[in-house]
Amino acid sequence: MRRDIFQAIADPVRREIIELLAEDPLTINAVAEKFDVSRPAISKHLKILKECEVIEFHRKGRERFCIIKPKTLIPAFVWIEQYEGLWKTKLDSFEKYLNKLQSEISKP
């Protein structure tokens, strides 16, 4: 099965793994220790991230380190960026609506 970056970031656990690895490369065990899910579940998430080419594994001695490949995240950022203006407009409109409601509630 061909996987893409959107499958990688679709799951909240995988997004957290990406955040962790953005700070420092970690061993598979170190990644697994950060979560309250089973080691096999973390291994499955790491496998998907590798298939999506978001991470790669490097062996150092007996340990396998997970290293992020940040350039593979660019297509997701580009896609999300095109909607930034729309989201900002909608959020600004919502904020104005909430402020209007708040002022109406505050009136004696």
PDB file of N, CA and C in Angstrom:
ATOM      1  N   MET A   1       0.848  -1.188   0.000  1.00  0.00           N
ATOM      2  CA  MET A   1       0.000   0.000   0.000  1.00  0.00           C
ATOM      3  C   MET A   1       0.894   1.252   0.000  1.00  0.00           C
ATOM      4  N   ARG A   2       0.587   2.176  -0.848  1.00  0.00           N
ATOM      5  CA  ARG A   2       1.311   3.458  -0.900  1.00  0.00           C
ATOM      6  C   ARG A   2       0.719   4.389   0.149  1.00  0.00           C
ATOM      7  N   ARG A   3       1.547   4.896   1.006  1.00  0.00           N
ATOM      8  CA  ARG A   3       1.100   5.814   2.043  1.00  0.00           C
ATOM      9  C   ARG A   3       1.622   7.214   1.736  1.00  0.00           C
ATOM     10  N   ASP A   4       0.917   8.225   2.264  1.00  0.00           N
ATOM     11  CA  ASP A   4       1.384   9.595   2.056  1.00  0.00           C
ATOM     12  C   ASP A   4       1.421  10.340   3.382  1.00  0.00           C
ATOM     13  N   ILE A   5       1.888  11.555   3.338  1.00  0.00           N
ATOM     14  CA  ILE A   5       2.084  12.364   4.536  1.00  0.00           C
ATOM     15  C   ILE A   5       0.782  12.570   5.301  1.00  0.00           C
ATOM     16  N   PHE A   6      -0.335  12.619   4.610  1.00  0.00           N
ATOM     17  CA  PHE A   6      -1.610  12.861   5.278  1.00  0.00           C
ATOM     18  C   PHE A   6      -2.030  11.668   6.127  1.00  0.00           C
ATOM     19  N   GLN A   7      -1.671  10.469   5.713  1.00  0.00           N
ATOM     20  CA  GLN A   7      -1.912   9.303   6.546  1.00  0.00           C
ATOM     21  C   GLN A   7      -1.020   9.353   7.785  1.00  0.00           C
ATOM     22  N   ALA A   8       0.178   9.870   7.621  1.00  0.00           N
ATOM     23  CA  ALA A   8       1.101   9.967   8.755  1.00  0.00           C
ATOM     24  C   ALA A   8       0.566  10.900   9.827  1.00  0.00           C
ATOM     25  N   ILE A   9       0.012  12.032   9.418  1.00  0.00           N
ATOM     26  CA  ILE A   9      -0.424  13.019  10.408  1.00  0.00           C
ATOM     27  C   ILE A   9      -1.890  12.867  10.803  1.00  0.00           C
ATOM     28  N   ALA A  10      -2.572  11.876  10.237  1.00  0.00           N
ATOM     29  CA  ALA A  10      -3.997  11.692  10.529  1.00  0.00           C
ATOM     30  C   ALA A  10      -4.247  11.209  11.953  1.00  0.00           C
ATOM     31  N   ASP A  11      -3.301  10.532  12.547  1.00  0.00           N
ATOM     32  CA  ASP A  11      -3.486   9.958  13.874  1.00  0.00           C
ATOM     33  C   ASP A  11      -2.810  10.831  14.936  1.00  0.00           C
ATOM     34  N   PRO A  12      -3.500  11.111  16.049  1.00  0.00           N
ATOM     35  CA  PRO A  12      -2.915  11.976  17.086  1.00  0.00           C
ATOM     36  C   PRO A  12      -1.649  11.400  17.723  1.00  0.00           C
ATOM     37  N   VAL A  13      -1.566  10.090  17.846  1.00  0.00           N
ATOM     38  CA  VAL A  13      -0.352   9.491  18.417  1.00  0.00           C
ATOM     39  C   VAL A  13       0.819   9.722  17.476  1.00  0.00           C
ATOM     40  N   ARG A  14       0.590   9.548  16.186  1.00  0.00           N
ATOM     41  CA  ARG A  14       1.687   9.781  15.233  1.00  0.00           C
ATOM     42  C   ARG A  14       2.111  11.245  15.219  1.00  0.00           C
ATOM     43  N   ARG A  15       1.141  12.149  15.376  1.00  0.00           N
ATOM     44  CA  ARG A  15       1.509  13.574  15.444  1.00  0.00           C
ATOM     45  C   ARG A  15       2.371  13.831  16.680  1.00  0.00           C
ATOM     46  N   GLU A  16       2.037  13.201  17.794  1.00  0.00           N
ATOM     47  CA  GLU A  16       2.859  13.372  19.006  1.00  0.00           C
ATOM     48  C   GLU A  16       4.253  12.789  18.810  1.00  0.00           C
ATOM     49  N   ILE A  17       4.329  11.645  18.133  1.00  0.00           N
ATOM     50  CA  ILE A  17       5.640  11.046  17.856  1.00  0.00           C
ATOM     51  C   ILE A  17       6.475  12.002  16.999  1.00  0.00           C
ATOM     52  N   ILE A  18       5.856  12.602  15.997  1.00  0.00           N
ATOM     53  CA  ILE A  18       6.564  13.565  15.141  1.00  0.00           C
ATOM     54  C   ILE A  18       7.077  14.721  15.981  1.00  0.00           C
ATOM     55  N   GLU A  19       6.246  15.230  16.892  1.00  0.00           N
ATOM     56  CA  GLU A  19       6.672  16.322  17.774  1.00  0.00           C
ATOM     57  C   GLU A  19       7.870  15.916  18.622  1.00  0.00           C
ATOM     58  N   LEU A  20       7.833  14.718  19.189  1.00  0.00           N
ATOM     59  CA  LEU A  20       8.944  14.232  20.006  1.00  0.00           C
ATOM     60  C   LEU A  20      10.233  14.149  19.196  1.00  0.00           C
ATOM     61  N   LEU A  21      10.118  13.566  18.013  1.00  0.00           N
ATOM     62  CA  LEU A  21      11.309  13.367  17.186  1.00  0.00           C
ATOM     63  C   LEU A  21      11.818  14.666  16.572  1.00  0.00           C
ATOM     64  N   ALA A  22      10.971  15.681  16.521  1.00  0.00           N
ATOM     65  CA  ALA A  22      11.419  16.984  16.023  1.00  0.00           C
ATOM     66  C   ALA A  22      12.419  17.600  16.994  1.00  0.00           C
ATOM     67  N   GLU A  23      12.332  17.209  18.272  1.00  0.00           N
ATOM     68  CA  GLU A  23      13.265  17.739  19.279  1.00  0.00           C
ATOM     69  C   GLU A  23      14.595  16.997  19.251  1.00  0.00           C
ATOM     70  N   ASP A  24      14.530  15.671  19.222  1.00  0.00           N
ATOM     71  CA  ASP A  24      15.741  14.836  19.252  1.00  0.00           C
ATOM     72  C   ASP A  24      15.441  13.454  18.694  1.00  0.00           C
ATOM     73  N   PRO A  25      16.425  12.826  18.067  1.00  0.00           N
ATOM     74  CA  PRO A  25      16.249  11.420  17.698  1.00  0.00           C
ATOM     75  C   PRO A  25      16.091  10.596  18.982  1.00  0.00           C
ATOM     76  N   LEU A  26      15.236   9.595  18.934  1.00  0.00           N
ATOM     77  CA  LEU A  26      15.008   8.736  20.099  1.00  0.00           C
ATOM     78  C   LEU A  26      15.052   7.281  19.677  1.00  0.00           C
ATOM     79  N   THR A  27      15.390   6.425  20.625  1.00  0.00           N
ATOM     80  CA  THR A  27      15.297   5.001  20.356  1.00  0.00           C
ATOM     81  C   THR A  27      13.827   4.613  20.327  1.00  0.00           C
ATOM     82  N   ILE A  28      13.562   3.465  19.759  1.00  0.00           N
ATOM     83  CA  ILE A  28      12.180   2.984  19.712  1.00  0.00           C
ATOM     84  C   ILE A  28      11.631   2.831  21.123  1.00  0.00           C
ATOM     85  N   ASN A  29      12.446   2.298  22.035  1.00  0.00           N
ATOM     86  CA  ASN A  29      12.001   2.143  23.425  1.00  0.00           C
ATOM     87  C   ASN A  29      11.718   3.497  24.073  1.00  0.00           C
ATOM     88  N   ALA A  30      12.545   4.487  23.797  1.00  0.00           N
ATOM     89  CA  ALA A  30      12.335   5.823  24.374  1.00  0.00           C
ATOM     90  C   ALA A  30      11.029   6.433  23.871  1.00  0.00           C
ATOM     91  N   VAL A  31      10.717   6.208  22.610  1.00  0.00           N
ATOM     92  CA  VAL A  31       9.443   6.695  22.067  1.00  0.00           C
ATOM     93  C   VAL A  31       8.298   5.979  22.769  1.00  0.00           C
ATOM     94  N   ALA A  32       8.391   4.662  22.882  1.00  0.00           N
ATOM     95  CA  ALA A  32       7.319   3.858  23.488  1.00  0.00           C
ATOM     96  C   ALA A  32       7.067   4.257  24.945  1.00  0.00           C
ATOM     97  N   GLU A  33       8.114   4.621  25.664  1.00  0.00           N
ATOM     98  CA  GLU A  33       7.976   4.997  27.076  1.00  0.00           C
ATOM     99  C   GLU A  33       7.164   6.270  27.265  1.00  0.00           C
ATOM    100  N   LYS A  34       7.049   7.076  26.246  1.00  0.00           N
ATOM    101  CA  LYS A  34       6.327   8.356  26.337  1.00  0.00           C
ATOM    102  C   LYS A  34       4.812   8.190  26.236  1.00  0.00           C
ATOM    103  N   PHE A  35       4.341   6.983  25.915  1.00  0.00           N
ATOM    104  CA  PHE A  35       2.921   6.773  25.653  1.00  0.00           C
ATOM    105  C   PHE A  35       2.348   5.673  26.538  1.00  0.00           C
ATOM    106  N   ASP A  36       1.060   5.775  26.786  1.00  0.00           N
ATOM    107  CA  ASP A  36       0.339   4.773  27.569  1.00  0.00           C
ATOM    108  C   ASP A  36      -0.333   3.747  26.666  1.00  0.00           C
ATOM    109  N   VAL A  37       0.324   3.400  25.601  1.00  0.00           N
ATOM    110  CA  VAL A  37      -0.164   2.351  24.719  1.00  0.00           C
ATOM    111  C   VAL A  37       0.923   1.285  24.617  1.00  0.00           C
ATOM    112  N   SER A  38       0.571   0.137  24.099  1.00  0.00           N
ATOM    113  CA  SER A  38       1.517  -0.977  24.055  1.00  0.00           C
ATOM    114  C   SER A  38       2.695  -0.699  23.123  1.00  0.00           C
ATOM    115  N   ARG A  39       3.769  -1.377  23.382  1.00  0.00           N
ATOM    116  CA  ARG A  39       4.957  -1.271  22.532  1.00  0.00           C
ATOM    117  C   ARG A  39       4.635  -1.700  21.098  1.00  0.00           C
ATOM    118  N   PRO A  40       3.866  -2.798  20.892  1.00  0.00           N
ATOM    119  CA  PRO A  40       3.504  -3.158  19.509  1.00  0.00           C
ATOM    120  C   PRO A  40       2.700  -2.064  18.798  1.00  0.00           C
ATOM    121  N   ALA A  41       1.837  -1.352  19.538  1.00  0.00           N
ATOM    122  CA  ALA A  41       1.060  -0.268  18.920  1.00  0.00           C
ATOM    123  C   ALA A  41       1.994   0.857  18.473  1.00  0.00           C
ATOM    124  N   ILE A  42       2.969   1.195  19.312  1.00  0.00           N
ATOM    125  CA  ILE A  42       3.943   2.234  18.950  1.00  0.00           C
ATOM    126  C   ILE A  42       4.764   1.773  17.749  1.00  0.00           C
ATOM    127  N   SER A  43       5.152   0.510  17.743  1.00  0.00           N
ATOM    128  CA  SER A  43       5.908  -0.018  16.603  1.00  0.00           C
ATOM    129  C   SER A  43       5.114   0.105  15.310  1.00  0.00           C
ATOM    130  N   LYS A  44       3.801  -0.140  15.392  1.00  0.00           N
ATOM    131  CA  LYS A  44       2.955  -0.004  14.212  1.00  0.00           C
ATOM    132  C   LYS A  44       2.914   1.452  13.739  1.00  0.00           C
ATOM    133  N   HIS A  45       2.779   2.403  14.684  1.00  0.00           N
ATOM    134  CA  HIS A  45       2.791   3.816  14.317  1.00  0.00           C
ATOM    135  C   HIS A  45       4.127   4.200  13.678  1.00  0.00           C
ATOM    136  N   LEU A  46       5.220   3.702  14.248  1.00  0.00           N
ATOM    137  CA  LEU A  46       6.542   4.012  13.688  1.00  0.00           C
ATOM    138  C   LEU A  46       6.691   3.414  12.286  1.00  0.00           C
ATOM    139  N   LYS A  47       6.136   2.227  12.090  1.00  0.00           N
ATOM    140  CA  LYS A  47       6.191   1.598  10.768  1.00  0.00           C
ATOM    141  C   LYS A  47       5.455   2.460   9.742  1.00  0.00           C
ATOM    142  N   ILE A  48       4.290   2.964  10.123  1.00  0.00           N
ATOM    143  CA  ILE A  48       3.520   3.824   9.208  1.00  0.00           C
ATOM    144  C   ILE A  48       4.299   5.102   8.908  1.00  0.00           C
ATOM    145  N   LEU A  49       4.896   5.703   9.937  1.00  0.00           N
ATOM    146  CA  LEU A  49       5.693   6.919   9.721  1.00  0.00           C
ATOM    147  C   LEU A  49       6.874   6.643   8.792  1.00  0.00           C
ATOM    148  N   LYS A  50       7.473   5.467   8.923  1.00  0.00           N
ATOM    149  CA  LYS A  50       8.574   5.107   8.030  1.00  0.00           C
ATOM    150  C   LYS A  50       8.062   4.895   6.603  1.00  0.00           C
ATOM    151  N   GLU A  51       6.917   4.209   6.457  1.00  0.00           N
ATOM    152  CA  GLU A  51       6.344   3.997   5.131  1.00  0.00           C
ATOM    153  C   GLU A  51       5.973   5.322   4.456  1.00  0.00           C
ATOM    154  N   CYS A  52       5.595   6.302   5.269  1.00  0.00           N
ATOM    155  CA  CYS A  52       5.255   7.634   4.749  1.00  0.00           C
ATOM    156  C   CYS A  52       6.509   8.490   4.565  1.00  0.00           C
ATOM    157  N   GLU A  53       7.660   7.913   4.894  1.00  0.00           N
ATOM    158  CA  GLU A  53       8.968   8.557   4.769  1.00  0.00           C
ATOM    159  C   GLU A  53       9.115   9.787   5.657  1.00  0.00           C
ATOM    160  N   VAL A  54       8.397   9.793   6.790  1.00  0.00           N
ATOM    161  CA  VAL A  54       8.517  10.888   7.755  1.00  0.00           C
ATOM    162  C   VAL A  54       9.691  10.631   8.691  1.00  0.00           C
ATOM    163  N   ILE A  55       9.972   9.368   8.947  1.00  0.00           N
ATOM    164  CA  ILE A  55      11.113   9.018   9.792  1.00  0.00           C
ATOM    165  C   ILE A  55      11.950   7.956   9.088  1.00  0.00           C
ATOM    166  N   GLU A  56      13.139   7.783   9.609  1.00  0.00           N
ATOM    167  CA  GLU A  56      13.983   6.676   9.197  1.00  0.00           C
ATOM    168  C   GLU A  56      14.650   6.118  10.440  1.00  0.00           C
ATOM    169  N   PHE A  57      15.112   4.895  10.355  1.00  0.00           N
ATOM    170  CA  PHE A  57      15.772   4.248  11.476  1.00  0.00           C
ATOM    171  C   PHE A  57      17.262   4.166  11.204  1.00  0.00           C
ATOM    172  N   HIS A  58      18.048   4.471  12.227  1.00  0.00           N
ATOM    173  CA  HIS A  58      19.497   4.324  12.150  1.00  0.00           C
ATOM    174  C   HIS A  58      19.939   3.450  13.306  1.00  0.00           C
ATOM    175  N   ARG A  59      20.730   2.465  12.985  1.00  0.00           N
ATOM    176  CA  ARG A  59      21.231   1.557  14.006  1.00  0.00           C
ATOM    177  C   ARG A  59      22.543   2.119  14.556  1.00  0.00           C
ATOM    178  N   LYS A  60      22.611   2.158  15.888  1.00  0.00           N
ATOM    179  CA  LYS A  60      23.845   2.563  16.561  1.00  0.00           C
ATOM    180  C   LYS A  60      24.078   1.535  17.659  1.00  0.00           C
ATOM    181  N   GLY A  61      25.021   0.642  17.412  1.00  0.00           N
ATOM    182  CA  GLY A  61      25.223  -0.461  18.335  1.00  0.00           C
ATOM    183  C   GLY A  61      24.004  -1.373  18.286  1.00  0.00           C
ATOM    184  N   ARG A  62      23.438  -1.644  19.461  1.00  0.00           N
ATOM    185  CA  ARG A  62      22.262  -2.514  19.536  1.00  0.00           C
ATOM    186  C   ARG A  62      20.951  -1.738  19.477  1.00  0.00           C
ATOM    187  N   GLU A  63      21.031  -0.433  19.461  1.00  0.00           N
ATOM    188  CA  GLU A  63      19.835   0.416  19.481  1.00  0.00           C
ATOM    189  C   GLU A  63      19.468   0.869  18.065  1.00  0.00           C
ATOM    190  N   ARG A  64      18.174   1.023  17.848  1.00  0.00           N
ATOM    191  CA  ARG A  64      17.675   1.630  16.603  1.00  0.00           C
ATOM    192  C   ARG A  64      17.082   2.974  16.964  1.00  0.00           C
ATOM    193  N   PHE A  65      17.595   4.018  16.341  1.00  0.00           N
ATOM    194  CA  PHE A  65      17.125   5.380  16.591  1.00  0.00           C
ATOM    195  C   PHE A  65      16.160   5.809  15.503  1.00  0.00           C
ATOM    196  N   CYS A  66      15.123   6.502  15.918  1.00  0.00           N
ATOM    197  CA  CYS A  66      14.145   7.086  14.997  1.00  0.00           C
ATOM    198  C   CYS A  66      14.565   8.524  14.739  1.00  0.00           C
ATOM    199  N   ILE A  67      14.708   8.865  13.484  1.00  0.00           N
ATOM    200  CA  ILE A  67      15.149  10.207  13.108  1.00  0.00           C
ATOM    201  C   ILE A  67      14.119  10.788  12.144  1.00  0.00           C
ATOM    202  N   ILE A  68      13.693  11.995  12.423  1.00  0.00           N
ATOM    203  CA  ILE A  68      12.676  12.639  11.592  1.00  0.00           C
ATOM    204  C   ILE A  68      13.297  13.148  10.297  1.00  0.00           C
ATOM    205  N   LYS A  69      12.517  13.106   9.245  1.00  0.00           N
ATOM    206  CA  LYS A  69      12.898  13.661   7.947  1.00  0.00           C
ATOM    207  C   LYS A  69      11.942  14.825   7.675  1.00  0.00           C
ATOM    208  N   PRO A  70      12.249  16.016   8.192  1.00  0.00           N
ATOM    209  CA  PRO A  70      11.295  17.126   8.158  1.00  0.00           C
ATOM    210  C   PRO A  70      10.856  17.566   6.767  1.00  0.00           C
ATOM    211  N   LYS A  71      11.681  17.380   5.761  1.00  0.00           N
ATOM    212  CA  LYS A  71      11.306  17.820   4.406  1.00  0.00           C
ATOM    213  C   LYS A  71      10.067  17.095   3.893  1.00  0.00           C
ATOM    214  N   THR A  72       9.819  15.898   4.404  1.00  0.00           N
ATOM    215  CA  THR A  72       8.647  15.154   3.929  1.00  0.00           C
ATOM    216  C   THR A  72       7.348  15.759   4.446  1.00  0.00           C
ATOM    217  N   LEU A  73       7.430  16.634   5.440  1.00  0.00           N
ATOM    218  CA  LEU A  73       6.242  17.281   5.987  1.00  0.00           C
ATOM    219  C   LEU A  73       5.811  18.499   5.156  1.00  0.00           C
ATOM    220  N   ILE A  74       6.663  18.956   4.266  1.00  0.00           N
ATOM    221  CA  ILE A  74       6.387  20.163   3.483  1.00  0.00           C
ATOM    222  C   ILE A  74       5.074  20.080   2.704  1.00  0.00           C
ATOM    223  N   PRO A  75       4.758  18.981   2.008  1.00  0.00           N
ATOM    224  CA  PRO A  75       3.481  18.948   1.277  1.00  0.00           C
ATOM    225  C   PRO A  75       2.262  19.189   2.177  1.00  0.00           C
ATOM    226  N   ALA A  76       2.299  18.685   3.390  1.00  0.00           N
ATOM    227  CA  ALA A  76       1.180  18.907   4.316  1.00  0.00           C
ATOM    228  C   ALA A  76       1.101  20.381   4.697  1.00  0.00           C
ATOM    229  N   PHE A  77       2.239  20.996   4.978  1.00  0.00           N
ATOM    230  CA  PHE A  77       2.253  22.417   5.327  1.00  0.00           C
ATOM    231  C   PHE A  77       1.735  23.275   4.176  1.00  0.00           C
ATOM    232  N   VAL A  78       2.152  22.955   2.966  1.00  0.00           N
ATOM    233  CA  VAL A  78       1.712  23.714   1.793  1.00  0.00           C
ATOM    234  C   VAL A  78       0.202  23.592   1.622  1.00  0.00           C
ATOM    235  N   TRP A  79      -0.323  22.382   1.788  1.00  0.00           N
ATOM    236  CA  TRP A  79      -1.758  22.168   1.634  1.00  0.00           C
ATOM    237  C   TRP A  79      -2.536  22.918   2.715  1.00  0.00           C
ATOM    238  N   ILE A  80      -2.074  22.833   3.952  1.00  0.00           N
ATOM    239  CA  ILE A  80      -2.744  23.506   5.072  1.00  0.00           C
ATOM    240  C   ILE A  80      -2.667  25.020   4.921  1.00  0.00           C
ATOM    241  N   GLU A  81      -1.529  25.504   4.450  1.00  0.00           N
ATOM    242  CA  GLU A  81      -1.310  26.950   4.315  1.00  0.00           C
ATOM    243  C   GLU A  81      -2.334  27.607   3.384  1.00  0.00           C
ATOM    244  N   GLN A  82      -2.776  26.887   2.367  1.00  0.00           N
ATOM    245  CA  GLN A  82      -3.734  27.486   1.436  1.00  0.00           C
ATOM    246  C   GLN A  82      -5.075  27.774   2.102  1.00  0.00           C
ATOM    247  N   TYR A  83      -5.354  27.147   3.219  1.00  0.00           N
ATOM    248  CA  TYR A  83      -6.610  27.369   3.935  1.00  0.00           C
ATOM    249  C   TYR A  83      -6.464  28.320   5.120  1.00  0.00           C
ATOM    250  N   GLU A  84      -5.252  28.766   5.381  1.00  0.00           N
ATOM    251  CA  GLU A  84      -4.998  29.630   6.528  1.00  0.00           C
ATOM    252  C   GLU A  84      -5.837  30.910   6.479  1.00  0.00           C
ATOM    253  N   GLY A  85      -5.906  31.550   5.337  1.00  0.00           N
ATOM    254  CA  GLY A  85      -6.692  32.778   5.208  1.00  0.00           C
ATOM    255  C   GLY A  85      -8.168  32.540   5.478  1.00  0.00           C
ATOM    256  N   LEU A  86      -8.687  31.446   4.952  1.00  0.00           N
ATOM    257  CA  LEU A  86     -10.088  31.090   5.193  1.00  0.00           C
ATOM    258  C   LEU A  86     -10.344  30.870   6.679  1.00  0.00           C
ATOM    259  N   TRP A  87      -9.471  30.113   7.341  1.00  0.00           N
ATOM    260  CA  TRP A  87      -9.636  29.842   8.765  1.00  0.00           C
ATOM    261  C   TRP A  87      -9.550  31.122   9.577  1.00  0.00           C
ATOM    262  N   LYS A  88      -8.611  31.985   9.210  1.00  0.00           N
ATOM    263  CA  LYS A  88      -8.442  33.245   9.946  1.00  0.00           C
ATOM    264  C   LYS A  88      -9.703  34.104   9.808  1.00  0.00           C
ATOM    265  N   THR A  89     -10.241  34.182   8.599  1.00  0.00           N
ATOM    266  CA  THR A  89     -11.463  34.959   8.371  1.00  0.00           C
ATOM    267  C   THR A  89     -12.618  34.390   9.187  1.00  0.00           C
ATOM    268  N   LYS A  90     -12.788  33.087   9.165  1.00  0.00           N
ATOM    269  CA  LYS A  90     -13.875  32.443   9.908  1.00  0.00           C
ATOM    270  C   LYS A  90     -13.704  32.653  11.414  1.00  0.00           C
ATOM    271  N   LEU A  91     -12.484  32.526  11.909  1.00  0.00           N
ATOM    272  CA  LEU A  91     -12.246  32.710  13.336  1.00  0.00           C
ATOM    273  C   LEU A  91     -12.447  34.163  13.755  1.00  0.00           C
ATOM    274  N   ASP A  92     -12.032  35.095  12.910  1.00  0.00           N
ATOM    275  CA  ASP A  92     -12.259  36.514  13.211  1.00  0.00           C
ATOM    276  C   ASP A  92     -13.756  36.811  13.263  1.00  0.00           C
ATOM    277  N   SER A  93     -14.500  36.253  12.332  1.00  0.00           N
ATOM    278  CA  SER A  93     -15.943  36.437  12.307  1.00  0.00           C
ATOM    279  C   SER A  93     -16.588  35.842  13.557  1.00  0.00           C
ATOM    280  N   PHE A  94     -16.136  34.673  13.959  1.00  0.00           N
ATOM    281  CA  PHE A  94     -16.658  34.020  15.160  1.00  0.00           C
ATOM    282  C   PHE A  94     -16.339  34.843  16.402  1.00  0.00           C
ATOM    283  N   GLU A  95     -15.130  35.389  16.456  1.00  0.00           N
ATOM    284  CA  GLU A  95     -14.741  36.232  17.594  1.00  0.00           C
ATOM    285  C   GLU A  95     -15.650  37.465  17.685  1.00  0.00           C
ATOM    286  N   LYS A  96     -15.931  38.103  16.556  1.00  0.00           N
ATOM    287  CA  LYS A  96     -16.828  39.263  16.547  1.00  0.00           C
ATOM    288  C   LYS A  96     -18.217  38.872  17.052  1.00  0.00           C
ATOM    289  N   TYR A  97     -18.702  37.732  16.613  1.00  0.00           N
ATOM    290  CA  TYR A  97     -20.007  37.239  17.051  1.00  0.00           C
ATOM    291  C   TYR A  97     -20.026  37.019  18.563  1.00  0.00           C
ATOM    292  N   LEU A  98     -18.981  36.390  19.088  1.00  0.00           N
ATOM    293  CA  LEU A  98     -18.910  36.155  20.537  1.00  0.00           C
ATOM    294  C   LEU A  98     -18.829  37.462  21.316  1.00  0.00           C
ATOM    295  N   ASN A  99     -18.066  38.408  20.807  1.00  0.00           N
ATOM    296  CA  ASN A  99     -17.976  39.719  21.468  1.00  0.00           C
ATOM    297  C   ASN A  99     -19.329  40.420  21.479  1.00  0.00           C
ATOM    298  N   LYS A 100     -20.063  40.303  20.374  1.00  0.00           N
ATOM    299  CA  LYS A 100     -21.394  40.907  20.289  1.00  0.00           C
ATOM    300  C   LYS A 100     -22.330  40.250  21.305  1.00  0.00           C
ATOM    301  N   LEU A 101     -22.302  38.931  21.395  1.00  0.00           N
ATOM    302  CA  LEU A 101     -23.125  38.223  22.378  1.00  0.00           C
ATOM    303  C   LEU A 101     -22.773  38.644  23.804  1.00  0.00           C
ATOM    304  N   GLN A 102     -21.470  38.729  24.057  1.00  0.00           N
ATOM    305  CA  GLN A 102     -21.002  39.106  25.393  1.00  0.00           C
ATOM    306  C   GLN A 102     -21.489  40.502  25.761  1.00  0.00           C
ATOM    307  N   SER A 103     -21.437  41.436  24.814  1.00  0.00           N
ATOM    308  CA  SER A 103     -21.878  42.803  25.106  1.00  0.00           C
ATOM    309  C   SER A 103     -23.392  42.847  25.311  1.00  0.00           C
ATOM    310  N   GLU A 104     -24.157  42.023  24.582  1.00  0.00           N
ATOM    311  CA  GLU A 104     -25.601  41.976  24.763  1.00  0.00           C
ATOM    312  C   GLU A 104     -25.977  41.370  26.129  1.00  0.00           C
ATOM    313  N   ILE A 105     -25.225  40.387  26.560  1.00  0.00           N
ATOM    314  CA  ILE A 105     -25.469  39.770  27.857  1.00  0.00           C
ATOM    315  C   ILE A 105     -25.112  40.722  28.991  1.00  0.00           C
ATOM    316  N   SER A 106     -24.088  41.521  28.782  1.00  0.00           N
ATOM    317  CA  SER A 106     -23.601  42.464  29.813  1.00  0.00           C
ATOM    318  C   SER A 106     -24.500  43.684  29.970  1.00  0.00           C
ATOM    319  N   LYS A 107     -25.371  43.948  29.003  1.00  0.00           N
ATOM    320  CA  LYS A 107     -26.240  45.137  29.080  1.00  0.00           C
ATOM    321  C   LYS A 107     -27.251  44.962  30.207  1.00  0.00           C
ATOM    322  N   PRO A 108     -27.479  46.054  30.959  1.00  0.00           N
ATOM    323  CA  PRO A 108     -28.469  45.975  32.055  1.00  0.00           C
ATOM    324  C   PRO A 108     -29.889  45.955  31.558  1.00  0.00           C
TER     325      PRO A 108
END
